[in-house]
Amino acid sequence: MLILSRKLNESIVIDGRITVKVMRIDGDVVKLGIAAPADVPVHRQEVYDEIRRSNEAAVTQRTTSVPKLSNSGVAHEARPRPADWQDGQRNSDTEVNSQKHNRPNKG
């Protein structure tokens, strides 16, 4: 680990892309300003550790098994048709209600 000393308003530069500046010193608390490209994640250590733990847990969690799909060629059951369909035509009341609720947002 590289250890550097900096005074108030002094900076260090990492890889020519990240600047860390001492912004304020209040007793035993040091406030740092960090300028980094948007594609470089910057986290406090405790936040980074929690993200890492959460990601590891998500990867190692057991998931419920999904039943295998059958290759038997058996056709799936046909879904029941909605009550508002008759002979392939939609009931006009339902069609009007449908149009009212499916309007695109203008906001």
Protein backbone atom coordinates (compact mmCIF):
# COMPACT_ATOMS: atom_id res chain seq x y z
CA MET A 1 0.00 0.00 0.00
CA LEU A 2 1.30 3.43 -0.92
CA ILE A 3 1.00 5.93 1.94
CA LEU A 4 0.99 9.65 1.10
CA SER A 5 0.71 12.76 3.25
CA ARG A 6 -1.48 15.60 2.05
CA LYS A 7 -2.50 18.90 3.60
CA LEU A 8 -5.79 20.75 3.23
CA ASN A 9 -6.58 21.47 -0.46
CA GLU A 10 -3.78 19.19 -1.69
CA SER A 11 -4.53 16.36 -4.11
CA ILE A 12 -3.25 13.10 -5.49
CA VAL A 13 -3.83 11.86 -9.02
CA ILE A 14 -4.41 8.19 -9.82
CA ASP A 15 -3.79 6.90 -13.34
CA GLY A 16 -4.16 10.41 -14.75
CA ARG A 17 -7.95 10.01 -14.55
CA ILE A 18 -8.85 10.15 -10.85
CA THR A 19 -8.13 13.05 -8.51
CA VAL A 20 -8.50 12.79 -4.74
CA LYS A 21 -8.39 16.10 -2.88
CA VAL A 22 -8.40 16.85 0.86
CA MET A 23 -11.37 19.19 1.15
CA ARG A 24 -11.72 19.65 4.91
CA ILE A 25 -10.23 18.38 8.15
CA ASP A 26 -12.52 18.40 11.22
CA GLY A 27 -10.69 16.84 14.17
CA ASP A 28 -10.20 13.18 13.29
CA VAL A 29 -12.51 13.35 10.23
CA VAL A 30 -11.02 14.06 6.82
CA LYS A 31 -13.37 15.05 3.98
CA LEU A 32 -12.14 13.98 0.56
CA GLY A 33 -13.31 15.13 -2.85
CA ILE A 34 -12.98 12.57 -5.62
CA ALA A 35 -13.16 13.39 -9.33
CA ALA A 36 -13.40 10.25 -11.47
CA PRO A 37 -14.86 9.31 -14.85
CA ALA A 38 -18.46 8.09 -14.75
CA ASP A 39 -17.38 4.56 -15.68
CA VAL A 40 -15.22 4.28 -12.53
CA PRO A 41 -17.28 3.24 -9.51
CA VAL A 42 -16.32 5.04 -6.31
CA HIS A 43 -17.64 3.74 -2.97
CA ARG A 44 -16.82 3.98 0.71
CA GLN A 45 -15.21 0.70 1.84
CA GLU A 46 -18.24 -0.41 3.90
CA VAL A 47 -20.59 0.21 0.96
CA TYR A 48 -18.30 -1.66 -1.42
CA ASP A 49 -18.09 -4.62 1.00
CA GLU A 50 -21.90 -4.78 1.23
CA ILE A 51 -22.29 -4.65 -2.56
CA ARG A 52 -19.74 -7.46 -2.90
CA ARG A 53 -21.49 -9.59 -0.24
CA SER A 54 -24.86 -9.00 -1.86
CA ASN A 55 -23.53 -9.96 -5.31
CA GLU A 56 -21.88 -13.11 -3.95
CA ALA A 57 -25.10 -14.10 -2.16
CA ALA A 58 -27.12 -13.59 -5.35
CA VAL A 59 -24.78 -15.83 -7.31
CA THR A 60 -24.65 -18.60 -4.71
CA GLN A 61 -28.34 -18.60 -3.73
CA ARG A 62 -30.16 -21.82 -4.48
CA THR A 63 -33.02 -21.28 -6.81
CA THR A 64 -36.03 -23.50 -7.11
CA SER A 65 -35.60 -25.85 -10.01
CA VAL A 66 -37.62 -25.26 -13.12
CA PRO A 67 -39.18 -28.41 -14.59
CA LYS A 68 -37.68 -29.55 -17.87
CA LEU A 69 -39.60 -28.85 -21.03
CA SER A 70 -40.94 -31.90 -22.78
CA ASN A 71 -39.75 -32.78 -26.26
CA SER A 72 -42.66 -35.16 -26.75
CA GLY A 73 -44.35 -32.94 -29.29
CA VAL A 74 -47.55 -32.88 -27.25
CA ALA A 75 -49.45 -29.70 -27.94
CA HIS A 76 -50.01 -27.35 -25.04
CA GLU A 77 -53.52 -26.91 -23.78
CA ALA A 78 -55.35 -24.15 -25.57
CA ARG A 79 -55.95 -21.13 -23.38
CA PRO A 80 -59.57 -20.27 -22.76
CA ARG A 81 -60.78 -17.39 -24.86
CA PRO A 82 -61.79 -14.20 -23.08
CA ALA A 83 -65.51 -13.78 -22.50
CA ASP A 84 -65.55 -10.65 -24.65
CA TRP A 85 -64.48 -12.59 -27.78
CA GLN A 86 -67.13 -14.14 -29.95
CA ASP A 87 -66.24 -15.92 -33.17
CA GLY A 88 -62.93 -14.09 -33.45
CA GLN A 89 -64.54 -10.66 -33.04
CA ARG A 90 -64.17 -8.46 -30.03
CA ASN A 91 -67.21 -7.07 -28.28
CA SER A 92 -67.41 -3.36 -29.24
CA ASP A 93 -67.84 -2.20 -25.59
CA THR A 94 -64.63 -3.94 -24.59
CA GLU A 95 -62.83 -2.55 -27.62
CA VAL A 96 -63.83 1.01 -26.69
CA ASN A 97 -62.72 0.50 -23.05
CA SER A 98 -59.48 -0.98 -24.27
CA GLN A 99 -58.77 2.03 -26.44
CA LYS A 100 -59.42 4.39 -23.53
CA HIS A 101 -56.91 2.59 -21.30
CA ASN A 102 -54.21 2.04 -23.91
CA ARG A 103 -53.75 5.65 -24.97
CA PRO A 104 -50.10 6.72 -25.03
CA ASN A 105 -49.01 9.21 -22.35
CA LYS A 106 -48.63 12.76 -23.60
CA GLY A 107 -46.61 13.88 -20.57
